[in-house]
Structure formats: structure tokens, C-alpha cells
Amino acid sequence: MTLPEVNEMYSTDARCRELLERLRWPEGVLCPRCQDTRVSRLKDYARYECVGCEYQFTVTSGTIFHDSHLPLPIWFLSTLLLCEAKKGMSAMQLKRTIWGQHKGSYKTAWYLCHRIRRAMVEVDRPMLDGTVEVDETFIGGKQRGHQHKVGHPECKKEVVIGIRQREGTLRFFHADDVKSGTLAKYIKENISQDVDVIMTDEFGAYPAALAKAGVTAEHKTIKHKSKVYVDGDTHTNTVESAFSLLKRGIIGSWHKISAKHLQSYLDEMTFRFDRRKRSDLFLDTLHHMVTADPLTFEKLTAA
């Protein structure tokens, strides 16, 4: 959907609620507490009451929208902007776009962005198979003086492990290090034992990681240190192109990401990347937002 279409179709709170109800309860309203279908609409159009447990609720109860004072049209516009921003959108840019230069709160925009990102977390994901590429990259600013290795207390680099199935989905993970045990954990949790081929570079930890993960599939490596990037069908360019997009997002849009929230940005990037060719990206994101658990500000900012 385009921005003018969202402005026209969902300009009021009532219209937004109608869409959210269709997305959350396609077969009719259910009580969020006891799942009873015996639900009555109160005089207040936006509120329902369960006949079974007498619980009163709205379509936003227990969702990402829960306990928000922002109008739903603002939520819809913000969601569209984050969905359609190929390299992401910073909270400051969202604030300027929605509220203007001198209005609104950066804290509000930042919290809003993170709640939308929380809905983009994929819970039930199938195991990857076929041809799968695995690679690692490092996120963070340049270090002055001695270059500490990842894992050292003074190292400013964060590890991101990327796994991508060719012609399939992408997954990013914020890891503590690139040791074989760490790599094995993500490989075992995301790659099927029936995978055909696994492509990596010549990094020495991969053979041990695959052995620890119990993967017996063919392992092909590409020797980047020898400046070989493609050898027939052997390469990691598919996952590296996604790394490139991620880094352009960090440099050009977000500018700075804390280690604490890095995984949230990775989830947003993979969610949008896997759906980049879908015409219903906006509606699919809203559907995730009315089915995901709420995120409180206290939980978001907890140590």
C-alpha cells in the first residue's frame, strides 16, 4: 500500500479498528482470556464483553498496541513507513515525518519503532534446507590503538551470524563470538539435518561447528583470502548481499545501534527482507502486531 492510500482508507480510529478486527479475528470475535465466542459489543463501539468470564476488552487488548495513547492512524502510518524503508528508518526520522521538527517526543517515536519491531520477530520458523549459506560479520565502530579480538571487554565489535537458504529465507543472529560451539548452536537450531549443501568461507571454525551440530551434508568452501569469490555454484554472495544491506541501514539510517537492541534491528531487517516482494507487506505486518505479545517500556529499557 502507498502512503496516500493508508491516509485515505485508515484516517480514523474506527476504520483502523475494523481492519485490526478482521486480521485478529477472521472467523469472529474471541475473548482473549478464555477464547469464548459468546461475546457482546458494548455501547462503546470499540469495547467488547465476554459472556463467559465477563472480561471486557478491545481489539488491541494484549497486543503490541496495548496501553498506547497514540491514535491508531499514527500507528498505521508508522508501520507503513518502517515496512517500506528498505534500509530501515531511524526513530528521529520517524518523529520528523509524523510529528514534524518541533513536535512530538523522540522517546515516543523510539518506543513506537521498537514495538513494531517486536511484532516482526518470527516465532515458529521452519528449518532451512536445500543449499544454505552461513557467514559471519562484525558490526561496530572503528577502534583506535590496539585491535582487540571479539569477546575482549574493550572490543567494540559485535558479531552477527547470517544464515540464508538460496531462494529462501534469511536469518540474522547477534552472537557472543565466532567459536565453533557458538556457530554449531545456530546451525543446529536453524538448518535441517536433510540439508543438501552448506556453503561457507574458509574460516577454520566451520568444519568443527558442522561436526558438533551433527550436520553430515556436503560442505563447500570459498577461499576469500585468495580473492576467490565465486567458484561455479560455490559462493556466499547470497548471504553477503544481505549483510551489505544491513550495514547500509546502520550507516545510512540508524547510524548507531546499541548491543542491547541489536537483535531487534536484525529481526526487523530479516522480516522485511524475506517479504520484500510481497504486495501485502503492510497488512502482514499489522497481522503480526495484533497477534504478538505486548512490549512494555519497562521491559524494553530493563538492564
Protein backbone atom coordinates (compact mmCIF):
# COMPACT_ATOMS: atom_id res chain seq x y z
CA MET A 1 0.00 0.00 0.00
CA THR A 2 1.06 3.58 -0.54
CA LEU A 3 1.07 6.45 1.95
CA PRO A 4 -1.87 8.27 0.26
CA GLU A 5 -3.89 5.03 0.30
CA VAL A 6 -3.30 4.49 4.02
CA ASN A 7 -4.15 8.14 4.72
CA GLU A 8 -7.41 7.82 2.83
CA MET A 9 -8.53 4.36 3.94
CA TYR A 10 -7.46 4.47 7.59
CA SER A 11 -7.81 8.09 8.58
CA THR A 12 -9.98 7.41 11.64
CA ASP A 13 -9.66 5.23 14.70
CA ALA A 14 -12.87 3.35 13.81
CA ARG A 15 -11.62 2.35 10.35
CA CYS A 16 -8.33 1.15 11.81
CA ARG A 17 -10.14 -0.97 14.37
CA GLU A 18 -12.31 -2.56 11.69
CA LEU A 19 -9.21 -3.75 9.85
CA LEU A 20 -7.49 -4.98 13.02
CA GLU A 21 -10.61 -6.95 13.95
CA ARG A 22 -10.63 -8.70 10.58
CA LEU A 23 -6.94 -9.52 10.93
CA ARG A 24 -7.12 -10.71 14.54
CA TRP A 25 -10.48 -12.50 14.41
CA PRO A 26 -11.09 -13.62 10.80
CA GLU A 27 -13.75 -16.11 11.98
CA GLY A 28 -15.42 -13.87 14.56
CA VAL A 29 -14.53 -12.14 17.83
CA LEU A 30 -12.95 -14.32 20.54
CA CYS A 31 -12.36 -13.49 24.17
CA PRO A 32 -8.57 -13.07 24.63
CA ARG A 33 -8.79 -14.52 28.14
CA CYS A 34 -10.93 -17.68 27.76
CA GLN A 35 -11.36 -17.95 23.95
CA ASP A 36 -15.16 -17.94 24.31
CA THR A 37 -17.09 -16.97 21.18
CA ARG A 38 -20.03 -15.64 23.18
CA VAL A 39 -19.07 -12.01 23.02
CA SER A 40 -21.31 -8.95 23.10
CA ARG A 41 -20.45 -5.48 21.80
CA LEU A 42 -20.92 -2.70 24.37
CA LYS A 43 -22.40 0.69 23.60
CA ASP A 44 -18.85 1.93 23.28
CA TYR A 45 -18.19 0.61 19.76
CA ALA A 46 -14.57 -0.24 20.47
CA ARG A 47 -15.25 -2.43 23.52
CA TYR A 48 -16.49 -6.00 23.94
CA GLU A 49 -17.55 -8.10 26.91
CA CYS A 50 -17.23 -11.87 27.20
CA VAL A 51 -20.43 -13.60 28.30
CA GLY A 52 -18.46 -16.46 29.84
CA CYS A 53 -15.86 -14.70 32.03
CA GLU A 54 -17.23 -11.12 31.87
CA TYR A 55 -13.87 -9.83 30.68
CA GLN A 56 -14.07 -6.51 28.83
CA PHE A 57 -11.60 -5.99 26.01
CA THR A 58 -10.90 -4.28 22.70
CA VAL A 59 -9.17 -5.47 19.55
CA THR A 60 -5.88 -4.02 20.83
CA SER A 61 -6.02 -5.73 24.25
CA GLY A 62 -2.97 -7.91 24.85
CA THR A 63 -1.30 -6.85 21.61
CA ILE A 64 1.57 -4.59 20.58
CA PHE A 65 -0.96 -1.72 20.57
CA HIS A 66 -1.96 -2.39 24.20
CA ASP A 67 -1.98 0.58 26.57
CA SER A 68 -0.89 3.02 23.86
CA HIS A 69 -2.11 6.60 23.90
CA LEU A 70 -1.23 7.14 20.25
CA PRO A 71 -4.11 7.28 17.74
CA LEU A 72 -4.33 4.17 15.56
CA PRO A 73 -3.89 6.19 12.33
CA ILE A 74 -0.45 7.23 13.64
CA TRP A 75 0.35 3.59 14.30
CA PHE A 76 -0.71 2.67 10.76
CA LEU A 77 1.38 5.40 9.13
CA SER A 78 4.42 4.49 11.24
CA THR A 79 4.06 0.82 10.38
CA LEU A 80 3.89 1.58 6.67
CA LEU A 81 7.00 3.78 6.85
CA LEU A 82 9.03 1.06 8.59
CA CYS A 83 7.74 -1.61 6.21
CA GLU A 84 8.62 0.30 3.05
CA ALA A 85 12.01 1.63 4.20
CA LYS A 86 14.37 -0.83 2.53
CA LYS A 87 17.27 0.14 4.78
CA GLY A 88 15.16 0.93 7.83
CA MET A 89 14.11 4.22 9.37
CA SER A 90 15.51 5.85 12.48
CA ALA A 91 13.28 6.95 15.34
CA MET A 92 14.36 10.55 14.75
CA GLN A 93 13.37 10.39 11.09
CA LEU A 94 10.02 8.87 12.04
CA LYS A 95 9.46 11.63 14.57
CA ARG A 96 10.16 14.32 11.96
CA THR A 97 7.95 12.63 9.36
CA ILE A 98 4.97 12.06 11.66
CA TRP A 99 5.10 14.97 14.11
CA GLY A 100 7.41 17.49 12.47
CA GLN A 101 10.66 19.05 13.56
CA HIS A 102 9.46 20.69 16.77
CA LYS A 103 6.60 18.45 17.86
CA GLY A 104 6.37 15.02 19.37
CA SER A 105 8.86 13.18 21.53
CA TYR A 106 11.88 11.20 20.40
CA LYS A 107 11.22 8.80 23.28
CA THR A 108 7.71 8.16 21.94
CA ALA A 109 8.98 7.53 18.41
CA TRP A 110 11.77 5.26 19.68
CA TYR A 111 9.34 3.20 21.76
CA LEU A 112 6.90 3.05 18.84
CA CYS A 113 9.60 1.71 16.50
CA HIS A 114 10.66 -0.95 18.96
CA ARG A 115 7.10 -2.14 19.49
CA ILE A 116 6.67 -2.57 15.74
CA ARG A 117 10.00 -4.41 15.60
CA ARG A 118 8.86 -6.75 18.38
CA ALA A 119 5.96 -7.83 16.18
CA MET A 120 8.44 -8.67 13.43
CA VAL A 121 10.06 -11.43 15.47
CA GLU A 122 9.41 -14.78 13.81
CA VAL A 123 8.45 -17.36 16.45
CA ASP A 124 7.74 -20.54 14.51
CA ARG A 125 10.25 -20.86 11.70
CA PRO A 126 10.84 -23.97 9.59
CA MET A 127 14.28 -25.50 9.37
CA LEU A 128 16.31 -24.42 6.35
CA ASP A 129 17.24 -26.98 3.73
CA GLY A 130 18.45 -27.22 0.13
CA THR A 131 21.55 -25.08 -0.35
CA VAL A 132 22.30 -22.95 2.70
CA GLU A 133 24.97 -20.29 3.12
CA VAL A 134 26.47 -19.44 6.53
CA ASP A 135 28.71 -16.47 7.19
CA GLU A 136 29.64 -14.04 9.93
CA THR A 137 30.26 -10.31 10.02
CA PHE A 138 31.21 -7.70 12.58
CA ILE A 139 29.21 -4.61 13.49
CA GLY A 140 30.63 -1.61 15.33
CA GLY A 141 32.76 1.48 15.12
CA LYS A 142 36.46 1.66 14.34
CA GLN A 143 38.82 1.03 17.21
CA ARG A 144 41.75 3.28 17.98
CA GLY A 145 45.03 1.82 19.01
CA HIS A 146 45.24 -1.90 19.66
CA GLN A 147 42.69 -4.00 17.77
CA HIS A 148 41.13 -6.31 20.35
CA LYS A 149 39.56 -9.57 19.31
CA VAL A 150 35.82 -10.12 19.56
CA GLY A 151 34.92 -11.14 23.10
CA HIS A 152 37.54 -8.89 24.71
CA PRO A 153 35.98 -6.37 27.16
CA GLU A 154 37.43 -3.44 25.21
CA CYS A 155 36.36 -4.70 21.78
CA LYS A 156 33.65 -2.52 20.24
CA LYS A 157 32.68 -5.02 17.58
CA GLU A 158 29.54 -7.16 17.76
CA VAL A 159 29.19 -10.48 15.96
CA VAL A 160 26.31 -11.11 13.57
CA ILE A 161 25.85 -14.60 12.15
CA GLY A 162 23.90 -14.83 8.91
CA ILE A 163 22.20 -17.96 7.57
CA ARG A 164 20.36 -17.84 4.27
CA GLN A 165 18.76 -20.54 2.17
CA ARG A 166 19.17 -19.92 -1.53
CA GLU A 167 15.80 -18.91 -2.95
CA GLY A 168 14.62 -18.97 0.65
CA THR A 169 14.61 -17.10 3.92
CA LEU A 170 17.27 -15.12 5.77
CA ARG A 171 18.19 -15.21 9.44
CA PHE A 172 20.47 -12.92 11.43
CA PHE A 173 21.67 -13.58 14.97
CA HIS A 174 23.59 -11.41 17.41
CA ALA A 175 26.22 -13.81 18.78
CA ASP A 176 28.76 -13.56 21.56
CA ASP A 177 31.65 -14.84 19.45
CA VAL A 178 32.55 -16.93 16.41
CA LYS A 179 33.79 -20.03 18.21
CA SER A 180 32.82 -23.39 16.78
CA GLY A 181 30.43 -24.11 19.65
CA THR A 182 28.55 -20.86 19.08
CA LEU A 183 28.32 -21.44 15.34
CA ALA A 184 27.17 -25.02 15.97
CA LYS A 185 24.32 -23.80 18.16
CA TYR A 186 22.83 -21.58 15.43
CA ILE A 187 23.44 -24.17 12.71
CA LYS A 188 21.72 -26.91 14.72
CA GLU A 189 18.74 -24.71 15.60
CA ASN A 190 18.13 -23.45 12.06
CA ILE A 191 19.45 -25.89 9.47
CA SER A 192 17.77 -29.21 8.76
CA GLN A 193 19.72 -32.45 9.01
CA ASP A 194 18.45 -33.14 5.49
CA VAL A 195 20.17 -30.08 4.03
CA ASP A 196 21.85 -30.75 0.67
CA VAL A 197 24.87 -28.44 0.78
CA ILE A 198 26.29 -25.88 3.21
CA MET A 199 28.39 -23.05 1.80
CA THR A 200 30.86 -21.10 3.95
CA ASP A 201 34.14 -19.28 3.56
CA GLU A 202 37.42 -20.83 4.70
CA PHE A 203 37.07 -19.71 8.35
CA GLY A 204 38.57 -22.54 10.40
CA ALA A 205 35.75 -22.90 12.92
CA TYR A 206 33.15 -24.10 10.41
CA PRO A 207 34.24 -27.75 10.00
CA ALA A 208 34.21 -28.26 13.77
CA ALA A 209 30.92 -26.37 14.08
CA LEU A 210 29.22 -28.58 11.49
CA ALA A 211 30.54 -31.70 13.24
CA LYS A 212 29.23 -30.50 16.62
CA ALA A 213 25.85 -29.68 15.06
CA GLY A 214 25.65 -33.20 13.64
CA VAL A 215 25.42 -32.00 10.04
CA THR A 216 26.69 -34.60 7.59
CA ALA A 217 25.78 -32.79 4.37
CA GLU A 218 28.37 -31.73 1.84
CA HIS A 219 30.37 -28.70 2.95
CA LYS A 220 31.75 -26.43 0.25
CA THR A 221 34.09 -23.54 0.99
CA ILE A 222 35.07 -20.47 -0.98
CA LYS A 223 38.56 -19.04 -0.39
CA HIS A 224 38.09 -15.31 0.10
CA LYS A 225 41.65 -14.85 1.34
CA SER A 226 42.83 -15.96 -2.09
CA LYS A 227 40.45 -13.41 -3.62
CA VAL A 228 38.20 -16.13 -4.99
CA TYR A 229 34.56 -15.15 -4.54
CA VAL A 230 32.76 -17.48 -6.94
CA ASP A 231 33.74 -20.98 -8.00
CA GLY A 232 30.90 -22.47 -10.05
CA ASP A 233 27.94 -22.59 -7.68
CA THR A 234 30.18 -22.28 -4.62
CA HIS A 235 29.92 -18.84 -3.02
CA THR A 236 28.43 -16.98 -0.07
CA ASN A 237 27.32 -13.96 -2.08
CA THR A 238 23.65 -14.58 -1.26
CA VAL A 239 24.06 -14.03 2.48
CA GLU A 240 26.74 -11.37 1.98
CA SER A 241 24.34 -9.26 -0.09
CA ALA A 242 22.03 -9.26 2.93
CA PHE A 243 24.95 -8.26 5.17
CA SER A 244 25.61 -5.37 2.79
CA LEU A 245 22.02 -4.15 3.10
CA LEU A 246 22.22 -4.41 6.89
CA LYS A 247 25.40 -2.33 7.05
CA ARG A 248 23.96 0.31 4.71
CA GLY A 249 20.99 0.51 7.04
CA ILE A 250 23.23 1.04 10.05
CA ILE A 251 25.40 3.64 8.34
CA GLY A 252 22.70 5.47 6.40
CA SER A 253 19.55 5.14 8.52
CA TRP A 254 20.08 4.09 12.12
CA HIS A 255 23.66 5.46 12.41
CA LYS A 256 24.24 3.86 15.79
CA ILE A 257 22.82 0.69 17.35
CA SER A 258 23.41 -0.44 20.91
CA ALA A 259 24.47 -4.03 21.51
CA LYS A 260 21.45 -4.46 23.78
CA HIS A 261 18.93 -3.79 20.98
CA LEU A 262 20.95 -5.10 18.02
CA GLN A 263 18.85 -8.28 17.71
CA SER A 264 15.68 -6.19 17.37
CA TYR A 265 17.12 -4.39 14.35
CA LEU A 266 18.27 -7.71 12.90
CA ASP A 267 14.73 -9.09 13.29
CA GLU A 268 13.30 -6.06 11.50
CA MET A 269 15.77 -6.38 8.64
CA THR A 270 15.15 -10.10 8.09
CA PHE A 271 11.35 -9.71 8.37
CA ARG A 272 11.31 -7.02 5.71
CA PHE A 273 13.94 -8.72 3.54
CA ASP A 274 12.04 -12.01 3.36
CA ARG A 275 8.83 -10.17 2.39
CA ARG A 276 10.36 -7.60 0.05
CA LYS A 277 8.44 -8.91 -2.98
CA ARG A 278 5.08 -9.30 -1.25
CA SER A 279 2.30 -6.87 -2.11
CA ASP A 280 0.63 -7.43 1.29
CA LEU A 281 3.66 -6.50 3.41
CA PHE A 282 1.76 -3.77 5.28
CA LEU A 283 -1.23 -5.98 6.10
CA ASP A 284 1.01 -8.90 7.05
CA THR A 285 2.89 -6.67 9.49
CA LEU A 286 -0.37 -5.48 11.06
CA HIS A 287 -1.47 -9.09 11.41
CA HIS A 288 1.72 -9.84 13.37
CA MET A 289 1.09 -6.76 15.51
CA VAL A 290 -2.34 -7.97 16.68
CA THR A 291 -1.06 -11.48 17.43
CA ALA A 292 2.27 -10.67 19.12
CA ASP A 293 2.62 -10.18 22.87
CA PRO A 294 2.76 -6.60 24.18
CA LEU A 295 6.07 -4.89 24.98
CA THR A 296 6.16 -2.53 27.97
CA PHE A 297 8.59 0.36 28.19
CA GLU A 298 9.93 -1.07 31.45
CA LYS A 299 10.75 -4.36 29.77
CA LEU A 300 12.30 -2.63 26.78
CA THR A 301 14.62 -0.49 28.90
CA ALA A 302 15.41 -3.10 31.57
CA ALA A 303 19.08 -3.85 32.13
